[in-house]
Amino acid sequence: MQVVDLFSGCGGLALGFKWAGFNTLLASDVDENCEKTYTHNFPNVPFIRNDLRDISTAEIKSIISRTPDVVIGGPPCQGFSLANKNRNKVKSDPRNELFYEFVRVVTDLQPKAFVMENVRGLLSMQKGEVIKLMKEEFENAGIGYQVDYKVLLASDYGVPQNRHRVIMIGIRKDLEKQPLFPNKTYENPVTVWEAISDLPQIKASEGDEKMMYETDPENNFQEFIRQENQKVYNHIAMRHTQRLINRFQVIKAGESLAHVSQEYGAVKRGNPKEKSKVVFSQNNQRLRANKPAPTIAASFQSNFIHPFLHRNFTAREGARLQSFPDNFIFQGMRTKMSWEKGLSQYQQIGNAVPPLLGYAIAKALQETLMGTESLNKKLFESLKVTQ
């Protein structure tokens, strides 16, 4: 089955669909480093780096040469406005345009199905009116879609992370099928330590872009995530000042910057002699080894501390917590200064859909469209992810 991947990011959702047997015809994103990562890991997939508002359906059709079975993507919906109930004025609001561009492509291509991913907060925007409007737009797109949505928890599908995402699925009405969502497959979630314990144990400022494994895989998740690789990529620990390392040393599992004494507190930007009065409880949070990680956001490079070492997570450790395999190599700058263009490796990882979550969604969609018998009980057998 064939896929068009819009707002692709670095390719997490597409990778999950690939594992399920789907073929990506075309991908698109506006970010230059996402393009570098995507094309490195999917070298045979045509990629359009541009704003979807500037990509015509004719251009898409000229590249894919056939109608895709599925259109997937996560259009940004933060700030979506219902300021005016007049549909044309709602569409003209620049905060709404990207969602409507996604609808436009679905309407023009008329795939058998679409999958749209977004943050859980979408459900509460404008007291639920935003998600209702979005559902109605797809129900009336072309000949129309049978649409449903659900909040899925990534750790229910083998991802070592408690990440909630809204997944909206539409099936073209003429197919007369109801959207299906994957059943929970993991009663005992994969933990942080189960995900990363076999990676080289490096201190702050240590590591390299290419390293050898120092141990054998220690569990089924690690066997799967290594993909028979011999080397680890993107595993470089950030440089930290001694003041920051001293702070990390007093933060216990489950604690954060909010728990340290004033002696180890944050200082004001531009004035290191004066302590900051603003404390964010999620900053410098030491993750519990025996629990799944909280949501790995785009800012995770400074949010979380390694369970046992006195440093932040490396990009590869973050990728493990997102369920990216070790042979998926991230391109572009590792971290980013404010004036630099493009998303850093950390931001690409944090923004991505976890591939194992994408795989579960793809398998459920495959079951819907192909009418196959239930695959959920075998969901991870082919990926060697078992409990």
Protein backbone atom coordinates (compact mmCIF):
# COMPACT_ATOMS: atom_id res chain seq x y z
CA MET A 1 0.00 0.00 0.00
CA GLN A 2 1.25 3.45 -0.93
CA VAL A 3 1.69 6.49 1.36
CA VAL A 4 2.18 10.24 0.95
CA ASP A 5 3.85 11.69 4.05
CA LEU A 6 3.14 15.40 4.74
CA PHE A 7 4.64 17.46 7.59
CA SER A 8 6.96 14.48 7.74
CA GLY A 9 9.54 15.76 10.21
CA CYS A 10 12.49 13.37 10.31
CA GLY A 11 10.30 10.37 9.42
CA GLY A 12 9.07 8.65 12.60
CA LEU A 13 5.54 7.99 11.36
CA ALA A 14 6.79 6.91 7.92
CA LEU A 15 9.22 4.46 9.52
CA GLY A 16 6.39 2.83 11.46
CA PHE A 17 4.37 2.52 8.26
CA LYS A 18 7.42 1.07 6.48
CA TRP A 19 7.76 -1.62 9.16
CA ALA A 20 4.10 -2.50 8.52
CA GLY A 21 4.79 -2.98 4.81
CA PHE A 22 3.68 0.39 3.40
CA ASN A 23 5.71 2.13 0.69
CA THR A 24 6.20 5.92 0.83
CA LEU A 25 5.76 7.60 -2.54
CA LEU A 26 6.58 11.14 -1.43
CA ALA A 27 7.50 13.08 1.71
CA SER A 28 7.44 16.79 2.46
CA ASP A 29 8.46 19.16 5.21
CA VAL A 30 9.60 22.76 5.40
CA ASP A 31 12.68 22.13 7.58
CA GLU A 32 16.08 21.68 5.92
CA ASN A 33 17.54 19.39 8.59
CA CYS A 34 14.46 17.18 8.58
CA GLU A 35 15.03 16.81 4.85
CA LYS A 36 18.66 15.80 5.47
CA THR A 37 17.67 13.19 8.03
CA TYR A 38 14.73 11.89 6.00
CA THR A 39 16.63 11.52 2.75
CA HIS A 40 19.55 9.88 4.54
CA ASN A 41 17.29 7.22 6.04
CA PHE A 42 14.82 6.94 3.15
CA PRO A 43 17.14 7.52 0.17
CA ASN A 44 14.64 6.31 -2.42
CA VAL A 45 11.75 8.53 -1.33
CA PRO A 46 11.31 11.82 -3.27
CA PHE A 47 11.27 14.76 -0.84
CA ILE A 48 9.83 18.25 -1.38
CA ARG A 49 11.26 20.79 1.06
CA ASN A 50 8.73 23.59 1.00
CA ASP A 51 5.77 25.05 2.83
CA LEU A 52 2.70 22.99 1.89
CA ARG A 53 0.93 26.25 1.04
CA ASP A 54 3.39 26.56 -1.84
CA ILE A 55 3.09 22.97 -3.07
CA SER A 56 0.33 22.40 -5.58
CA THR A 57 -1.56 19.14 -5.89
CA ALA A 58 -0.38 19.04 -9.52
CA GLU A 59 3.24 19.01 -8.33
CA ILE A 60 2.50 16.16 -5.94
CA LYS A 61 0.72 14.17 -8.66
CA SER A 62 3.59 14.71 -11.10
CA ILE A 63 5.96 12.99 -8.66
CA ILE A 64 3.85 10.13 -7.30
CA SER A 65 2.31 9.09 -10.68
CA ARG A 66 -0.47 7.16 -8.93
CA THR A 67 -3.13 7.68 -6.28
CA PRO A 68 -1.81 6.88 -2.80
CA ASP A 69 -3.74 4.57 -0.52
CA VAL A 70 -3.03 6.72 2.53
CA VAL A 71 -2.02 10.30 3.31
CA ILE A 72 -0.34 10.71 6.70
CA GLY A 73 0.99 13.71 8.62
CA GLY A 74 0.88 15.99 11.62
CA PRO A 75 0.01 19.54 10.55
CA PRO A 76 0.75 22.15 13.26
CA CYS A 77 -2.52 23.15 14.91
CA GLN A 78 -1.27 25.20 17.88
CA GLY A 79 -3.11 28.51 17.93
CA PHE A 80 -5.88 27.24 15.68
CA SER A 81 -8.61 29.88 15.74
CA LEU A 82 -12.38 29.76 15.67
CA ALA A 83 -12.60 33.53 16.01
CA ASN A 84 -15.22 33.73 13.31
CA LYS A 85 -17.77 31.06 12.45
CA ASN A 86 -17.72 32.09 8.80
CA ARG A 87 -15.77 29.24 7.20
CA ASN A 88 -13.90 31.40 4.71
CA LYS A 89 -12.67 33.74 7.43
CA VAL A 90 -11.66 30.81 9.59
CA LYS A 91 -9.65 29.41 6.70
CA SER A 92 -7.98 32.72 6.03
CA ASP A 93 -6.60 32.91 9.57
CA PRO A 94 -2.87 32.17 9.10
CA ARG A 95 -2.89 29.97 12.21
CA ASN A 96 -5.34 27.66 10.45
CA GLU A 97 -3.84 27.49 6.98
CA LEU A 98 -1.62 24.43 7.40
CA PHE A 99 -4.46 22.25 8.63
CA TYR A 100 -6.59 23.31 5.67
CA GLU A 101 -3.68 22.59 3.31
CA PHE A 102 -3.62 19.04 4.68
CA VAL A 103 -7.38 18.82 4.04
CA ARG A 104 -6.82 20.21 0.54
CA VAL A 105 -4.37 17.46 -0.38
CA VAL A 106 -6.64 14.76 1.04
CA THR A 107 -9.58 16.25 -0.90
CA ASP A 108 -7.62 16.41 -4.16
CA LEU A 109 -5.95 12.98 -3.94
CA GLN A 110 -8.93 11.12 -2.43
CA PRO A 111 -6.84 8.34 -0.85
CA LYS A 112 -8.58 5.38 0.74
CA ALA A 113 -7.59 6.71 4.15
CA PHE A 114 -5.74 9.43 6.01
CA VAL A 115 -4.00 9.55 9.39
CA MET A 116 -3.49 12.85 11.21
CA GLU A 117 -1.41 13.06 14.39
CA ASN A 118 -1.38 15.88 16.92
CA VAL A 119 -0.90 16.79 20.57
CA ARG A 120 -3.49 15.79 23.17
CA GLY A 121 -4.23 19.46 23.90
CA LEU A 122 -6.04 19.62 20.56
CA LEU A 123 -9.07 18.02 22.22
CA SER A 124 -9.55 20.87 24.68
CA MET A 125 -8.92 23.77 22.29
CA GLN A 126 -11.90 26.14 22.15
CA LYS A 127 -13.76 23.77 24.53
CA GLY A 128 -13.70 20.92 22.03
CA GLU A 129 -14.96 22.95 19.08
CA VAL A 130 -11.67 22.76 17.15
CA ILE A 131 -11.52 18.95 16.96
CA LYS A 132 -15.22 18.92 16.05
CA LEU A 133 -14.61 21.34 13.17
CA MET A 134 -11.62 19.32 11.95
CA LYS A 135 -13.65 16.12 11.95
CA GLU A 136 -16.40 17.83 9.94
CA GLU A 137 -13.89 19.16 7.38
CA PHE A 138 -12.69 15.63 6.62
CA GLU A 139 -16.21 14.23 6.61
CA ASN A 140 -16.95 16.65 3.76
CA ALA A 141 -13.60 16.32 1.92
CA GLY A 142 -14.40 15.22 -1.63
CA ILE A 143 -16.76 12.26 -1.47
CA GLY A 144 -16.17 12.32 2.28
CA TYR A 145 -14.54 10.25 4.99
CA GLN A 146 -15.77 8.22 7.92
CA VAL A 147 -13.74 9.85 10.69
CA ASP A 148 -12.88 8.97 14.27
CA TYR A 149 -10.15 10.02 16.69
CA LYS A 150 -8.63 8.70 19.88
CA VAL A 151 -5.84 9.52 22.33
CA LEU A 152 -3.18 6.81 22.19
CA LEU A 153 -0.47 6.25 24.82
CA ALA A 154 2.86 5.32 23.25
CA SER A 155 3.95 3.05 26.11
CA ASP A 156 0.96 0.79 25.35
CA TYR A 157 2.73 -0.17 22.11
CA GLY A 158 6.30 -0.85 23.21
CA VAL A 159 7.61 2.73 23.28
CA PRO A 160 9.51 3.41 26.55
CA GLN A 161 7.70 6.71 27.00
CA ASN A 162 4.36 7.93 28.40
CA ARG A 163 3.57 10.07 25.38
CA HIS A 164 -0.09 10.84 24.61
CA ARG A 165 -1.07 11.74 21.06
CA VAL A 166 -4.38 12.41 19.33
CA ILE A 167 -4.71 10.19 16.28
CA MET A 168 -7.46 10.98 13.78
CA ILE A 169 -8.19 8.35 11.14
CA GLY A 170 -10.50 8.71 8.16
CA ILE A 171 -11.69 5.98 5.78
CA ARG A 172 -13.23 7.03 2.48
CA LYS A 173 -17.00 6.65 2.75
CA ASP A 174 -17.45 4.59 -0.40
CA LEU A 175 -15.36 1.81 1.19
CA GLU A 176 -18.01 1.47 3.92
CA LYS A 177 -15.51 0.73 6.68
CA GLN A 178 -15.13 2.14 10.18
CA PRO A 179 -11.72 3.39 11.39
CA LEU A 180 -9.99 1.00 13.79
CA PHE A 181 -7.41 1.87 16.42
CA PRO A 182 -4.73 -0.52 17.68
CA ASN A 183 -5.39 -2.50 20.83
CA LYS A 184 -3.01 -2.13 23.74
CA THR A 185 -0.19 -4.66 23.39
CA TYR A 186 1.98 -3.97 26.46
CA GLU A 187 0.72 -4.45 30.00
CA ASN A 188 4.23 -3.91 31.40
CA PRO A 189 5.77 -0.89 29.63
CA VAL A 190 9.40 -0.81 28.55
CA THR A 191 11.37 1.28 31.06
CA VAL A 192 14.04 3.92 30.54
CA TRP A 193 16.82 1.62 31.68
CA GLU A 194 15.59 -1.29 29.59
CA ALA A 195 15.78 1.06 26.61
CA ILE A 196 19.26 2.56 27.09
CA SER A 197 21.34 0.40 29.49
CA ASP A 198 23.41 -1.21 26.70
CA LEU A 199 24.62 2.10 25.26
CA PRO A 200 28.18 3.21 26.10
CA GLN A 201 28.13 4.81 29.57
CA ILE A 202 29.77 8.14 28.81
CA LYS A 203 30.20 11.20 31.01
CA ALA A 204 29.51 14.84 30.14
CA SER A 205 31.40 15.97 26.98
CA GLU A 206 32.34 12.38 26.11
CA GLY A 207 31.19 10.29 23.17
CA ASP A 208 31.48 10.39 19.40
CA GLU A 209 29.29 10.41 16.29
CA LYS A 210 30.26 6.78 15.72
CA MET A 211 31.01 4.38 18.59
CA MET A 212 31.24 0.64 19.15
CA TYR A 213 28.83 -1.12 21.50
CA GLU A 214 30.48 -2.12 24.76
CA THR A 215 27.98 -4.82 25.78
CA ASP A 216 25.61 -7.29 24.19
CA PRO A 217 21.88 -6.46 24.08
CA GLU A 218 20.28 -7.20 27.42
CA ASN A 219 16.62 -7.62 26.48
CA ASN A 220 14.23 -7.97 23.53
CA PHE A 221 13.79 -4.23 23.09
CA GLN A 222 17.54 -3.72 22.75
CA GLU A 223 17.84 -6.62 20.31
CA PHE A 224 15.17 -5.04 18.13
CA ILE A 225 16.45 -1.47 18.42
CA ARG A 226 20.00 -2.42 17.41
CA GLN A 227 18.78 -3.92 14.11
CA GLU A 228 21.99 -6.03 14.04
CA ASN A 229 24.05 -2.83 13.99
CA GLN A 230 27.68 -2.95 15.00
CA LYS A 231 28.01 0.75 15.83
CA VAL A 232 26.17 3.51 17.68
CA TYR A 233 25.61 6.92 16.08
CA ASN A 234 24.61 10.33 17.52
CA HIS A 235 25.80 9.37 21.01
CA ILE A 236 27.67 12.47 22.23
CA ALA A 237 27.10 13.85 25.72
CA MET A 238 26.67 17.61 26.09
CA ARG A 239 29.33 19.74 27.73
CA HIS A 240 28.31 20.94 31.20
CA THR A 241 29.87 23.45 33.54
CA GLN A 242 31.09 22.13 36.88
CA ARG A 243 28.34 24.19 38.53
CA LEU A 244 25.72 22.28 36.55
CA ILE A 245 27.35 18.91 37.24
CA ASN A 246 27.37 19.75 40.96
CA ARG A 247 23.62 20.43 40.73
CA PHE A 248 22.96 17.16 38.92
CA GLN A 249 24.81 15.26 41.65
CA VAL A 250 22.27 16.29 44.29
CA ILE A 251 19.15 15.60 42.19
CA LYS A 252 17.66 12.20 42.96
CA ALA A 253 15.50 10.01 40.74
CA GLY A 254 12.16 11.68 40.09
CA GLU A 255 13.41 15.06 41.36
CA SER A 256 14.24 18.18 39.36
CA LEU A 257 15.62 21.71 39.64
CA ALA A 258 12.65 22.54 41.89
CA HIS A 259 14.00 20.18 44.58
CA VAL A 260 17.55 21.56 44.96
CA SER A 261 18.67 23.99 47.64
CA GLN A 262 19.43 27.58 46.76
CA GLU A 263 23.12 26.73 46.67
CA TYR A 264 22.55 24.66 43.52
CA GLY A 265 19.72 26.73 42.04
CA ALA A 266 19.67 28.33 38.61
CA VAL A 267 21.26 31.72 38.13
CA LYS A 268 19.92 34.69 36.20
CA ARG A 269 20.80 34.86 32.53
CA GLY A 270 23.56 37.40 32.06
CA ASN A 271 24.19 37.66 35.81
CA PRO A 272 25.66 34.40 37.15
CA LYS A 273 26.20 35.88 40.61
CA GLU A 274 22.45 36.24 41.24
CA LYS A 275 20.04 33.33 41.65
CA SER A 276 16.98 33.14 39.43
CA LYS A 277 13.59 33.35 41.12
CA VAL A 278 11.93 31.52 38.23
CA VAL A 279 12.04 27.75 38.65
CA PHE A 280 10.50 25.28 36.19
CA SER A 281 9.73 21.94 37.79
CA GLN A 282 10.39 20.04 34.54
CA ASN A 283 13.93 21.39 34.14
CA ASN A 284 16.81 19.08 35.06
CA GLN A 285 14.48 16.20 35.91
CA ARG A 286 16.31 12.96 36.68
CA LEU A 287 14.34 10.15 35.09
CA ARG A 288 13.46 7.03 37.02
CA ALA A 289 15.26 4.02 35.58
CA ASN A 290 12.39 1.63 36.31
CA LYS A 291 9.65 3.70 34.65
CA PRO A 292 8.90 4.80 31.08
CA ALA A 293 10.08 8.32 30.30
CA PRO A 294 7.67 11.25 30.32
CA THR A 295 7.02 12.93 26.96
CA ILE A 296 10.27 13.51 25.07
CA ALA A 297 9.62 17.02 23.78
CA ALA A 298 11.72 19.07 21.37
CA SER A 299 13.42 20.68 24.38
CA PHE A 300 14.45 17.39 26.00
CA GLN A 301 18.17 18.16 25.65
CA SER A 302 17.96 20.25 28.84
CA ASN A 303 14.82 18.82 30.42
CA PHE A 304 16.05 15.44 31.58
CA ILE A 305 19.03 13.96 33.42
CA HIS A 306 20.34 10.43 32.88
CA PRO A 307 19.09 8.01 35.59
CA PHE A 308 22.59 7.42 36.98
CA LEU A 309 25.11 9.68 35.21
CA HIS A 310 25.40 13.42 35.93
CA ARG A 311 24.52 14.74 32.50
CA ASN A 312 21.64 15.32 30.10
CA PHE A 313 20.58 12.66 27.61
CA THR A 314 22.40 12.21 24.34
CA ALA A 315 20.50 12.42 21.06
CA ARG A 316 20.77 8.62 20.69
CA GLU A 317 19.36 8.01 24.15
CA GLY A 318 16.43 10.28 23.27
CA ALA A 319 16.00 8.38 20.00
CA ARG A 320 15.89 5.11 21.95
CA LEU A 321 13.14 6.53 24.19
CA GLN A 322 11.24 7.39 21.00
CA SER A 323 11.83 3.82 19.64
CA PHE A 324 14.03 4.87 16.71
CA PRO A 325 16.40 2.02 15.80
CA ASP A 326 20.13 2.58 16.04
CA ASN A 327 20.52 2.43 12.25
CA PHE A 328 18.36 5.56 11.91
CA ILE A 329 20.97 8.31 11.82
CA PHE A 330 20.08 11.95 12.52
CA GLN A 331 21.59 14.74 10.43
CA GLY A 332 22.10 18.46 10.98
CA MET A 333 23.48 20.22 14.02
CA ARG A 334 23.33 18.28 17.29
CA THR A 335 22.17 21.28 19.32
CA LYS A 336 21.05 24.67 18.10
CA MET A 337 21.81 28.28 18.81
CA SER A 338 18.90 30.72 18.49
CA TRP A 339 20.21 32.27 15.27
CA GLU A 340 20.76 28.96 13.45
CA LYS A 341 18.26 27.76 10.87
CA GLY A 342 16.80 24.30 10.86
CA LEU A 343 15.87 21.91 13.65
CA SER A 344 18.62 20.30 15.72
CA GLN A 345 18.91 16.54 16.12
CA TYR A 346 17.30 16.83 19.56
CA GLN A 347 14.38 18.83 18.17
CA GLN A 348 13.85 16.41 15.30
CA ILE A 349 13.73 13.51 17.74
CA GLY A 350 11.40 15.25 20.19
CA ASN A 351 8.98 16.35 17.45
CA ALA A 352 8.72 12.90 15.89
CA VAL A 353 5.98 10.31 16.12
CA PRO A 354 7.51 7.25 17.84
CA PRO A 355 7.99 4.66 15.08
CA LEU A 356 6.54 1.81 17.17
CA LEU A 357 3.39 3.86 17.73
CA GLY A 358 3.29 4.52 13.98
CA TYR A 359 3.68 0.78 13.36
CA ALA A 360 0.71 -0.04 15.59
CA ILE A 361 -1.44 2.57 13.82
CA ALA A 362 -0.36 1.29 10.40
CA LYS A 363 -1.19 -2.32 11.28
CA ALA A 364 -4.67 -1.32 12.49
CA LEU A 365 -5.22 0.65 9.29
CA GLN A 366 -3.95 -2.25 7.22
CA GLU A 367 -6.46 -4.51 8.95
CA THR A 368 -9.26 -2.04 8.16
CA LEU A 369 -8.42 -1.54 4.50
CA MET A 370 -7.41 -5.07 3.57
CA GLY A 371 -9.97 -6.90 5.69
CA THR A 372 -7.34 -9.16 7.17
CA GLU A 373 -7.95 -11.06 10.38
CA SER A 374 -6.86 -9.40 13.58
CA LEU A 375 -3.14 -8.68 13.62
CA ASN A 376 -3.01 -7.03 17.01
CA LYS A 377 -2.15 -10.19 18.92
CA LYS A 378 0.90 -10.60 16.65
CA LEU A 379 1.64 -6.89 16.54
CA PHE A 380 5.31 -6.97 17.49
CA GLU A 381 6.24 -10.53 16.65
CA SER A 382 7.91 -9.60 13.38
CA LEU A 383 9.82 -6.78 15.11
CA LYS A 384 11.17 -9.06 17.87
CA VAL A 385 9.59 -6.82 20.51
CA THR A 386 8.05 -9.20 23.03
CA GLN A 387 7.59 -9.22 26.75
